[in-house]
PDB file of N, CA and C in Angstrom:
ATOM      1  N   MET A   1       0.803  -1.206   0.000  1.00  0.00           N
ATOM      2  CA  MET A   1       0.000   0.000   0.000  1.00  0.00           C
ATOM      3  C   MET A   1       0.843   1.266   0.000  1.00  0.00           C
ATOM      4  N   ARG A   2       1.940   1.248   0.714  1.00  0.00           N
ATOM      5  CA  ARG A   2       2.758   2.444   0.819  1.00  0.00           C
ATOM      6  C   ARG A   2       3.325   2.854  -0.534  1.00  0.00           C
ATOM      7  N   ARG A   3       3.695   1.881  -1.324  1.00  0.00           N
ATOM      8  CA  ARG A   3       4.259   2.180  -2.630  1.00  0.00           C
ATOM      9  C   ARG A   3       3.261   2.932  -3.496  1.00  0.00           C
ATOM     10  N   SER A   4       2.009   2.616  -3.385  1.00  0.00           N
ATOM     11  CA  SER A   4       0.968   3.299  -4.155  1.00  0.00           C
ATOM     12  C   SER A   4       0.902   4.783  -3.785  1.00  0.00           C
ATOM     13  N   GLY A   5       1.039   5.081  -2.499  1.00  0.00           N
ATOM     14  CA  GLY A   5       1.043   6.472  -2.056  1.00  0.00           C
ATOM     15  C   GLY A   5       2.251   7.225  -2.572  1.00  0.00           C
ATOM     16  N   ASP A   6       3.410   6.575  -2.568  1.00  0.00           N
ATOM     17  CA  ASP A   6       4.626   7.193  -3.090  1.00  0.00           C
ATOM     18  C   ASP A   6       4.507   7.439  -4.587  1.00  0.00           C
ATOM     19  N   ASP A   7       3.909   6.467  -5.294  1.00  0.00           N
ATOM     20  CA  ASP A   7       3.717   6.627  -6.737  1.00  0.00           C
ATOM     21  C   ASP A   7       2.807   7.813  -7.037  1.00  0.00           C
ATOM     22  N   ARG A   8       1.757   7.952  -6.265  1.00  0.00           N
ATOM     23  CA  ARG A   8       0.826   9.078  -6.467  1.00  0.00           C
ATOM     24  C   ARG A   8       1.528  10.413  -6.237  1.00  0.00           C
ATOM     25  N   ARG A   9       2.358  10.449  -5.203  1.00  0.00           N
ATOM     26  CA  ARG A   9       3.079  11.689  -4.902  1.00  0.00           C
ATOM     27  C   ARG A   9       4.019  12.046  -6.053  1.00  0.00           C
ATOM     28  N   ILE A  10       4.708  11.054  -6.592  1.00  0.00           N
ATOM     29  CA  ILE A  10       5.631  11.290  -7.708  1.00  0.00           C
ATOM     30  C   ILE A  10       4.870  11.773  -8.937  1.00  0.00           C
ATOM     31  N   VAL A  11       3.710  11.147  -9.194  1.00  0.00           N
ATOM     32  CA  VAL A  11       2.897  11.560 -10.347  1.00  0.00           C
ATOM     33  C   VAL A  11       2.419  12.999 -10.171  1.00  0.00           C
ATOM     34  N   MET A  12       1.979  13.350  -8.979  1.00  0.00           N
ATOM     35  CA  MET A  12       1.501  14.719  -8.731  1.00  0.00           C
ATOM     36  C   MET A  12       2.643  15.729  -8.851  1.00  0.00           C
ATOM     37  N   GLN A  13       3.814  15.383  -8.374  1.00  0.00           N
ATOM     38  CA  GLN A  13       4.959  16.276  -8.514  1.00  0.00           C
ATOM     39  C   GLN A  13       5.329  16.456  -9.982  1.00  0.00           C
ATOM     40  N   SER A  14       5.246  15.388 -10.744  1.00  0.00           N
ATOM     41  CA  SER A  14       5.549  15.473 -12.177  1.00  0.00           C
ATOM     42  C   SER A  14       4.538  16.338 -12.898  1.00  0.00           C
ATOM     43  N   LEU A  15       3.258  16.171 -12.576  1.00  0.00           N
ATOM     44  CA  LEU A  15       2.223  17.011 -13.181  1.00  0.00           C
ATOM     45  C   LEU A  15       2.418  18.486 -12.827  1.00  0.00           C
ATOM     46  N   ALA A  16       2.780  18.745 -11.584  1.00  0.00           N
ATOM     47  CA  ALA A  16       3.023  20.132 -11.167  1.00  0.00           C
ATOM     48  C   ALA A  16       4.198  20.717 -11.944  1.00  0.00           C
ATOM     49  N   MET A  17       5.241  19.921 -12.145  1.00  0.00           N
ATOM     50  CA  MET A  17       6.402  20.413 -12.882  1.00  0.00           C
ATOM     51  C   MET A  17       6.046  20.692 -14.338  1.00  0.00           C
ATOM     52  N   VAL A  18       5.259  19.812 -14.964  1.00  0.00           N
ATOM     53  CA  VAL A  18       4.845  20.029 -16.348  1.00  0.00           C
ATOM     54  C   VAL A  18       3.999  21.292 -16.452  1.00  0.00           C
ATOM     55  N   MET A  19       3.081  21.493 -15.498  1.00  0.00           N
ATOM     56  CA  MET A  19       2.262  22.704 -15.510  1.00  0.00           C
ATOM     57  C   MET A  19       3.116  23.953 -15.320  1.00  0.00           C
ATOM     58  N   GLN A  20       4.126  23.856 -14.475  1.00  0.00           N
ATOM     59  CA  GLN A  20       5.007  24.996 -14.253  1.00  0.00           C
ATOM     60  C   GLN A  20       5.802  25.334 -15.511  1.00  0.00           C
ATOM     61  N   PHE A  21       6.260  24.309 -16.231  1.00  0.00           N
ATOM     62  CA  PHE A  21       6.942  24.552 -17.499  1.00  0.00           C
ATOM     63  C   PHE A  21       6.008  25.268 -18.466  1.00  0.00           C
ATOM     64  N   GLY A  22       4.770  24.801 -18.564  1.00  0.00           N
ATOM     65  CA  GLY A  22       3.795  25.418 -19.469  1.00  0.00           C
ATOM     66  C   GLY A  22       3.500  26.859 -19.101  1.00  0.00           C
ATOM     67  N   LEU A  23       3.292  27.111 -17.827  1.00  0.00           N
ATOM     68  CA  LEU A  23       3.005  28.478 -17.388  1.00  0.00           C
ATOM     69  C   LEU A  23       4.192  29.401 -17.611  1.00  0.00           C
ATOM     70  N   ASN A  24       5.392  28.883 -17.394  1.00  0.00           N
ATOM     71  CA  ASN A  24       6.590  29.693 -17.619  1.00  0.00           C
ATOM     72  C   ASN A  24       6.736  30.097 -19.076  1.00  0.00           C
ATOM     73  N   MET A  25       6.140  29.349 -19.978  1.00  0.00           N
ATOM     74  CA  MET A  25       6.208  29.685 -21.402  1.00  0.00           C
ATOM     75  C   MET A  25       5.014  30.544 -21.820  1.00  0.00           C
ATOM     76  N   ILE A  26       3.808  30.190 -21.369  1.00  0.00           N
ATOM     77  CA  ILE A  26       2.586  30.849 -21.830  1.00  0.00           C
ATOM     78  C   ILE A  26       2.426  32.264 -21.276  1.00  0.00           C
ATOM     79  N   VAL A  27       2.720  32.467 -20.016  1.00  0.00           N
ATOM     80  CA  VAL A  27       2.464  33.773 -19.389  1.00  0.00           C
ATOM     81  C   VAL A  27       3.226  34.914 -20.082  1.00  0.00           C
ATOM     82  N   PRO A  28       4.544  34.816 -20.302  1.00  0.00           N
ATOM     83  CA  PRO A  28       5.225  35.922 -20.980  1.00  0.00           C
ATOM     84  C   PRO A  28       4.716  36.149 -22.410  1.00  0.00           C
ATOM     85  N   ILE A  29       4.393  35.063 -23.117  1.00  0.00           N
ATOM     86  CA  ILE A  29       3.898  35.216 -24.483  1.00  0.00           C
ATOM     87  C   ILE A  29       2.561  35.944 -24.478  1.00  0.00           C
ATOM     88  N   CYS A  30       1.649  35.518 -23.613  1.00  0.00           N
ATOM     89  CA  CYS A  30       0.324  36.166 -23.559  1.00  0.00           C
ATOM     90  C   CYS A  30       0.420  37.623 -23.128  1.00  0.00           C
ATOM     91  N   MET A  31       1.245  37.897 -22.136  1.00  0.00           N
ATOM     92  CA  MET A  31       1.373  39.280 -21.661  1.00  0.00           C
ATOM     93  C   MET A  31       1.950  40.189 -22.740  1.00  0.00           C
ATOM     94  N   MET A  32       2.999  39.731 -23.394  1.00  0.00           N
ATOM     95  CA  MET A  32       3.627  40.573 -24.416  1.00  0.00           C
ATOM     96  C   MET A  32       2.732  40.712 -25.646  1.00  0.00           C
ATOM     97  N   THR A  33       1.998  39.661 -26.004  1.00  0.00           N
ATOM     98  CA  THR A  33       1.081  39.750 -27.132  1.00  0.00           C
ATOM     99  C   THR A  33      -0.050  40.721 -26.828  1.00  0.00           C
ATOM    100  N   ALA A  34      -0.608  40.642 -25.612  1.00  0.00           N
ATOM    101  CA  ALA A  34      -1.674  41.571 -25.221  1.00  0.00           C
ATOM    102  C   ALA A  34      -1.161  43.017 -25.245  1.00  0.00           C
ATOM    103  N   LEU A  35       0.049  43.237 -24.754  1.00  0.00           N
ATOM    104  CA  LEU A  35       0.629  44.578 -24.798  1.00  0.00           C
ATOM    105  C   LEU A  35       0.820  45.033 -26.240  1.00  0.00           C
ATOM    106  N   GLY A  36       1.259  44.123 -27.106  1.00  0.00           N
ATOM    107  CA  GLY A  36       1.447  44.461 -28.516  1.00  0.00           C
ATOM    108  C   GLY A  36       0.143  44.825 -29.205  1.00  0.00           C
ATOM    109  N   ILE A  37      -0.914  44.064 -28.926  1.00  0.00           N
ATOM    110  CA  ILE A  37      -2.233  44.375 -29.507  1.00  0.00           C
ATOM    111  C   ILE A  37      -2.701  45.742 -29.040  1.00  0.00           C
ATOM    112  N   TRP A  38      -2.542  46.001 -27.741  1.00  0.00           N
ATOM    113  CA  TRP A  38      -2.981  47.291 -27.202  1.00  0.00           C
ATOM    114  C   TRP A  38      -2.192  48.438 -27.838  1.00  0.00           C
ATOM    115  N   LEU A  39      -0.884  48.276 -27.942  1.00  0.00           N
ATOM    116  CA  LEU A  39      -0.055  49.324 -28.550  1.00  0.00           C
ATOM    117  C   LEU A  39      -0.386  49.503 -30.034  1.00  0.00           C
ATOM    118  N   ASP A  40      -0.621  48.414 -30.758  1.00  0.00           N
ATOM    119  CA  ASP A  40      -0.980  48.517 -32.175  1.00  0.00           C
ATOM    120  C   ASP A  40      -2.278  49.292 -32.357  1.00  0.00           C
ATOM    121  N   ARG A  41      -3.254  49.027 -31.509  1.00  0.00           N
ATOM    122  CA  ARG A  41      -4.524  49.762 -31.599  1.00  0.00           C
ATOM    123  C   ARG A  41      -4.341  51.225 -31.233  1.00  0.00           C
ATOM    124  N   LYS A  42      -3.534  51.478 -30.226  1.00  0.00           N
ATOM    125  CA  LYS A  42      -3.309  52.854 -29.754  1.00  0.00           C
ATOM    126  C   LYS A  42      -2.530  53.672 -30.790  1.00  0.00           C
ATOM    127  N   LEU A  43      -1.528  53.045 -31.419  1.00  0.00           N
ATOM    128  CA  LEU A  43      -0.649  53.774 -32.332  1.00  0.00           C
ATOM    129  C   LEU A  43      -1.039  53.617 -33.803  1.00  0.00           C
ATOM    130  N   GLY A  44      -1.992  52.736 -34.094  1.00  0.00           N
ATOM    131  CA  GLY A  44      -2.412  52.534 -35.477  1.00  0.00           C
ATOM    132  C   GLY A  44      -1.401  51.773 -36.315  1.00  0.00           C
ATOM    133  N   THR A  45      -0.619  50.931 -35.677  1.00  0.00           N
ATOM    134  CA  THR A  45       0.377  50.138 -36.408  1.00  0.00           C
ATOM    135  C   THR A  45      -0.093  48.687 -36.476  1.00  0.00           C
ATOM    136  N   SER A  46       0.699  47.850 -37.148  1.00  0.00           N
ATOM    137  CA  SER A  46       0.322  46.437 -37.226  1.00  0.00           C
ATOM    138  C   SER A  46       1.511  45.498 -37.027  1.00  0.00           C
ATOM    139  N   TRP A  47       2.640  45.986 -36.607  1.00  0.00           N
ATOM    140  CA  TRP A  47       3.835  45.162 -36.491  1.00  0.00           C
ATOM    141  C   TRP A  47       4.326  44.981 -35.053  1.00  0.00           C
ATOM    142  N   ILE A  48       3.879  45.794 -34.139  1.00  0.00           N
ATOM    143  CA  ILE A  48       4.378  45.737 -32.761  1.00  0.00           C
ATOM    144  C   ILE A  48       3.997  44.415 -32.092  1.00  0.00           C
ATOM    145  N   THR A  49       2.804  43.901 -32.400  1.00  0.00           N
ATOM    146  CA  THR A  49       2.363  42.640 -31.806  1.00  0.00           C
ATOM    147  C   THR A  49       3.319  41.506 -32.161  1.00  0.00           C
ATOM    148  N   ILE A  50       3.762  41.470 -33.392  1.00  0.00           N
ATOM    149  CA  ILE A  50       4.665  40.402 -33.832  1.00  0.00           C
ATOM    150  C   ILE A  50       5.995  40.489 -33.091  1.00  0.00           C
ATOM    151  N   VAL A  51       6.516  41.686 -32.961  1.00  0.00           N
ATOM    152  CA  VAL A  51       7.792  41.870 -32.274  1.00  0.00           C
ATOM    153  C   VAL A  51       7.672  41.487 -30.800  1.00  0.00           C
ATOM    154  N   LEU A  52       6.609  41.947 -30.147  1.00  0.00           N
ATOM    155  CA  LEU A  52       6.448  41.640 -28.727  1.00  0.00           C
ATOM    156  C   LEU A  52       6.122  40.165 -28.494  1.00  0.00           C
ATOM    157  N   PHE A  53       5.436  39.519 -29.433  1.00  0.00           N
ATOM    158  CA  PHE A  53       5.225  38.077 -29.335  1.00  0.00           C
ATOM    159  C   PHE A  53       6.569  37.355 -29.324  1.00  0.00           C
ATOM    160  N   ALA A  54       7.469  37.747 -30.206  1.00  0.00           N
ATOM    161  CA  ALA A  54       8.796  37.127 -30.265  1.00  0.00           C
ATOM    162  C   ALA A  54       9.565  37.378 -28.966  1.00  0.00           C
ATOM    163  N   VAL A  55       9.466  38.586 -28.425  1.00  0.00           N
ATOM    164  CA  VAL A  55      10.134  38.904 -27.156  1.00  0.00           C
ATOM    165  C   VAL A  55       9.572  38.022 -26.042  1.00  0.00           C
ATOM    166  N   GLY A  56       8.242  37.846 -26.012  1.00  0.00           N
ATOM    167  CA  GLY A  56       7.621  36.980 -25.009  1.00  0.00           C
ATOM    168  C   GLY A  56       8.062  35.534 -25.148  1.00  0.00           C
ATOM    169  N   ALA A  57       8.185  35.053 -26.384  1.00  0.00           N
ATOM    170  CA  ALA A  57       8.628  33.681 -26.616  1.00  0.00           C
ATOM    171  C   ALA A  57      10.071  33.491 -26.147  1.00  0.00           C
ATOM    172  N   ILE A  58      10.910  34.466 -26.397  1.00  0.00           N
ATOM    173  CA  ILE A  58      12.309  34.392 -25.946  1.00  0.00           C
ATOM    174  C   ILE A  58      12.374  34.407 -24.421  1.00  0.00           C
ATOM    175  N   ALA A  59      11.570  35.279 -23.801  1.00  0.00           N
ATOM    176  CA  ALA A  59      11.548  35.337 -22.334  1.00  0.00           C
ATOM    177  C   ALA A  59      11.045  34.022 -21.744  1.00  0.00           C
ATOM    178  N   GLY A  60      10.020  33.431 -22.351  1.00  0.00           N
ATOM    179  CA  GLY A  60       9.506  32.150 -21.876  1.00  0.00           C
ATOM    180  C   GLY A  60      10.531  31.044 -22.012  1.00  0.00           C
ATOM    181  N   ALA A  61      11.228  31.020 -23.126  1.00  0.00           N
ATOM    182  CA  ALA A  61      12.266  30.014 -23.331  1.00  0.00           C
ATOM    183  C   ALA A  61      13.388  30.181 -22.309  1.00  0.00           C
ATOM    184  N   GLN A  62      13.715  31.419 -22.009  1.00  0.00           N
ATOM    185  CA  GLN A  62      14.760  31.679 -21.013  1.00  0.00           C
ATOM    186  C   GLN A  62      14.306  31.202 -19.626  1.00  0.00           C
ATOM    187  N   ASN A  63      13.025  31.428 -19.297  1.00  0.00           N
ATOM    188  CA  ASN A  63      12.494  30.943 -18.020  1.00  0.00           C
ATOM    189  C   ASN A  63      12.584  29.425 -17.925  1.00  0.00           C
ATOM    190  N   ILE A  64      12.214  28.743 -18.998  1.00  0.00           N
ATOM    191  CA  ILE A  64      12.252  27.286 -19.005  1.00  0.00           C
ATOM    192  C   ILE A  64      13.692  26.785 -18.909  1.00  0.00           C
ATOM    193  N   TYR A  65      14.603  27.441 -19.594  1.00  0.00           N
ATOM    194  CA  TYR A  65      16.012  27.047 -19.529  1.00  0.00           C
ATOM    195  C   TYR A  65      16.537  27.156 -18.093  1.00  0.00           C
ATOM    196  N   ARG A  66      16.234  28.260 -17.443  1.00  0.00           N
ATOM    197  CA  ARG A  66      16.692  28.443 -16.058  1.00  0.00           C
ATOM    198  C   ARG A  66      16.090  27.397 -15.128  1.00  0.00           C
ATOM    199  N   MET A  67      14.805  27.112 -15.303  1.00  0.00           N
ATOM    200  CA  MET A  67      14.143  26.130 -14.462  1.00  0.00           C
ATOM    201  C   MET A  67      14.727  24.735 -14.698  1.00  0.00           C
ATOM    202  N   ALA A  68      14.906  24.367 -15.948  1.00  0.00           N
ATOM    203  CA  ALA A  68      15.459  23.049 -16.266  1.00  0.00           C
ATOM    204  C   ALA A  68      16.897  22.923 -15.759  1.00  0.00           C
ATOM    205  N   LYS A  69      17.660  23.976 -15.887  1.00  0.00           N
ATOM    206  CA  LYS A  69      19.036  23.952 -15.404  1.00  0.00           C
ATOM    207  C   LYS A  69      19.063  23.729 -13.892  1.00  0.00           C
ATOM    208  N   GLY A  70      18.167  24.377 -13.185  1.00  0.00           N
ATOM    209  CA  GLY A  70      18.090  24.185 -11.741  1.00  0.00           C
ATOM    210  C   GLY A  70      17.633  22.790 -11.360  1.00  0.00           C
ATOM    211  N   LEU A  71      16.705  22.230 -12.136  1.00  0.00           N
ATOM    212  CA  LEU A  71      16.189  20.901 -11.825  1.00  0.00           C
ATOM    213  C   LEU A  71      17.188  19.796 -12.124  1.00  0.00           C
ATOM    214  N   TYR A  72      17.967  19.961 -13.157  1.00  0.00           N
ATOM    215  CA  TYR A  72      18.846  18.890 -13.606  1.00  0.00           C
ATOM    216  C   TYR A  72      20.293  19.095 -13.236  1.00  0.00           C
ATOM    217  N   GLY A  73      20.552  19.752 -12.122  1.00  0.00           N
ATOM    218  CA  GLY A  73      21.887  19.765 -11.572  1.00  0.00           C
ATOM    219  C   GLY A  73      22.769  20.925 -11.958  1.00  0.00           C
ATOM    220  N   GLY A  74      22.254  21.939 -12.607  1.00  0.00           N
ATOM    221  CA  GLY A  74      23.080  23.083 -12.960  1.00  0.00           C
ATOM    222  C   GLY A  74      23.623  23.775 -11.731  1.00  0.00           C
ATOM    223  N   GLU A  75      22.810  23.827 -10.676  1.00  0.00           N
ATOM    224  CA  GLU A  75      23.238  24.493  -9.448  1.00  0.00           C
ATOM    225  C   GLU A  75      24.320  23.691  -8.735  1.00  0.00           C
ATOM    226  N   GLU A  76      24.213  22.365  -8.756  1.00  0.00           N
ATOM    227  CA  GLU A  76      25.210  21.543  -8.091  1.00  0.00           C
ATOM    228  C   GLU A  76      26.577  21.668  -8.755  1.00  0.00           C
ATOM    229  N   ARG A  77      26.585  21.691 -10.102  1.00  0.00           N
ATOM    230  CA  ARG A  77      27.860  21.835 -10.813  1.00  0.00           C
ATOM    231  C   ARG A  77      28.480  23.191 -10.528  1.00  0.00           C
ATOM    232  N   ASP A  78      27.648  24.232 -10.438  1.00  0.00           N
ATOM    233  CA  ASP A  78      28.177  25.553 -10.134  1.00  0.00           C
ATOM    234  C   ASP A  78      28.802  25.573  -8.743  1.00  0.00           C
ATOM    235  N   LYS A  79      28.173  24.927  -7.784  1.00  0.00           N
ATOM    236  CA  LYS A  79      28.719  24.901  -6.428  1.00  0.00           C
ATOM    237  C   LYS A  79      30.038  24.138  -6.384  1.00  0.00           C
ATOM    238  N   GLU A  80      30.123  23.049  -7.147  1.00  0.00           N
ATOM    239  CA  GLU A  80      31.367  22.279  -7.185  1.00  0.00           C
ATOM    240  C   GLU A  80      32.512  23.098  -7.763  1.00  0.00           C
ATOM    241  N   GLN A  81      32.193  23.984  -8.701  1.00  0.00           N
ATOM    242  CA  GLN A  81      33.224  24.790  -9.333  1.00  0.00           C
ATOM    243  C   GLN A  81      33.506  26.077  -8.554  1.00  0.00           C
ATOM    244  N   GLY A  82      32.768  26.286  -7.457  1.00  0.00           N
ATOM    245  CA  GLY A  82      32.995  27.470  -6.644  1.00  0.00           C
ATOM    246  C   GLY A  82      32.362  28.721  -7.203  1.00  0.00           C
ATOM    247  N   ILE A  83      31.399  28.569  -8.098  1.00  0.00           N
ATOM    248  CA  ILE A  83      30.754  29.735  -8.693  1.00  0.00           C
ATOM    249  C   ILE A  83      29.737  30.335  -7.749  1.00  0.00           C
ATOM    250  N   SER A  84      29.068  29.511  -6.983  1.00  0.00           N
ATOM    251  CA  SER A  84      27.994  30.002  -6.134  1.00  0.00           C
ATOM    252  C   SER A  84      28.110  29.338  -4.778  1.00  0.00           C
ATOM    253  N   GLY A  85      27.672  30.032  -3.754  1.00  0.00           N
ATOM    254  CA  GLY A  85      27.698  29.447  -2.420  1.00  0.00           C
ATOM    255  C   GLY A  85      27.018  30.357  -1.429  1.00  0.00           C
ATOM    256  N   GLU A  86      26.713  29.814  -0.246  1.00  0.00           N
ATOM    257  CA  GLU A  86      26.010  30.604   0.757  1.00  0.00           C
ATOM    258  C   GLU A  86      26.880  31.727   1.306  1.00  0.00           C
ATOM    259  N   ASN A  87      28.172  31.516   1.388  1.00  0.00           N
ATOM    260  CA  ASN A  87      29.063  32.497   1.981  1.00  0.00           C
ATOM    261  C   ASN A  87      29.673  33.441   0.953  1.00  0.00           C
ATOM    262  N   ASP A  88      29.212  33.359  -0.286  1.00  0.00           N
ATOM    263  CA  ASP A  88      29.760  34.225  -1.323  1.00  0.00           C
ATOM    264  C   ASP A  88      29.132  35.613  -1.241  1.00  0.00           C
ATOM    265  N   LYS A  89      29.941  36.620  -1.424  1.00  0.00           N
ATOM    266  CA  LYS A  89      29.456  37.996  -1.490  1.00  0.00           C
ATOM    267  C   LYS A  89      30.136  38.677  -2.654  1.00  0.00           C
ATOM    268  N   LYS A  90      29.430  39.650  -3.236  1.00  0.00           N
ATOM    269  CA  LYS A  90      30.006  40.381  -4.352  1.00  0.00           C
ATOM    270  C   LYS A  90      30.610  41.686  -3.855  1.00  0.00           C
ATOM    271  N   ASP A  91      31.760  42.042  -4.422  1.00  0.00           N
ATOM    272  CA  ASP A  91      32.332  43.339  -4.098  1.00  0.00           C
ATOM    273  C   ASP A  91      31.758  44.382  -5.055  1.00  0.00           C
ATOM    274  N   HIS A  92      32.294  45.576  -5.052  1.00  0.00           N
ATOM    275  CA  HIS A  92      31.757  46.666  -5.864  1.00  0.00           C
ATOM    276  C   HIS A  92      31.885  46.414  -7.360  1.00  0.00           C
ATOM    277  N   THR A  93      32.751  45.482  -7.773  1.00  0.00           N
ATOM    278  CA  THR A  93      32.901  45.197  -9.208  1.00  0.00           C
ATOM    279  C   THR A  93      31.981  44.076  -9.670  1.00  0.00           C
ATOM    280  N   GLY A  94      31.258  43.437  -8.712  1.00  0.00           N
ATOM    281  CA  GLY A  94      30.367  42.343  -9.071  1.00  0.00           C
ATOM    282  C   GLY A  94      31.020  40.986  -9.007  1.00  0.00           C
ATOM    283  N   VAL A  95      32.298  40.947  -8.575  1.00  0.00           N
ATOM    284  CA  VAL A  95      33.015  39.680  -8.475  1.00  0.00           C
ATOM    285  C   VAL A  95      32.726  39.069  -7.105  1.00  0.00           C
ATOM    286  N   LYS A  96      32.410  37.768  -7.093  1.00  0.00           N
ATOM    287  CA  LYS A  96      32.102  37.110  -5.841  1.00  0.00           C
ATOM    288  C   LYS A  96      33.372  36.853  -5.052  1.00  0.00           C
ATOM    289  N   LYS A  97      33.262  37.044  -3.747  1.00  0.00           N
ATOM    290  CA  LYS A  97      34.381  36.791  -2.849  1.00  0.00           C
ATOM    291  C   LYS A  97      33.927  35.792  -1.792  1.00  0.00           C
ATOM    292  N   LYS A  98      34.799  34.892  -1.409  1.00  0.00           N
ATOM    293  CA  LYS A  98      34.528  33.953  -0.314  1.00  0.00           C
ATOM    294  C   LYS A  98      34.880  34.627   0.997  1.00  0.00           C
ATOM    295  N   GLU A  99      34.068  34.348   1.995  1.00  0.00           N
ATOM    296  CA  GLU A  99      34.360  34.899   3.326  1.00  0.00           C
ATOM    297  C   GLU A  99      34.957  33.853   4.213  1.00  0.00           C
TER     298      GLU A  99
END
């Protein structure tokens, strides 16, 4: 019986992750497209929607890339290489320093 509960939890976590991937892609596209439509109507143009749709698609792809990198070990590799850590601080030039 316990295995069935664990399986359900894994399935629900997987569904949540798939939904999060979808939302990370759809939300920027919809927002930028809506802004483009509004601007096109306001300014009397017909090309702004296309440009902002592309910007939204790029932003969504970037969101998915960051999420996937975090899920599949990108953060662990960075920590092993000393790129990121809890005790890291940036100085005025933006370079991280270990304390």
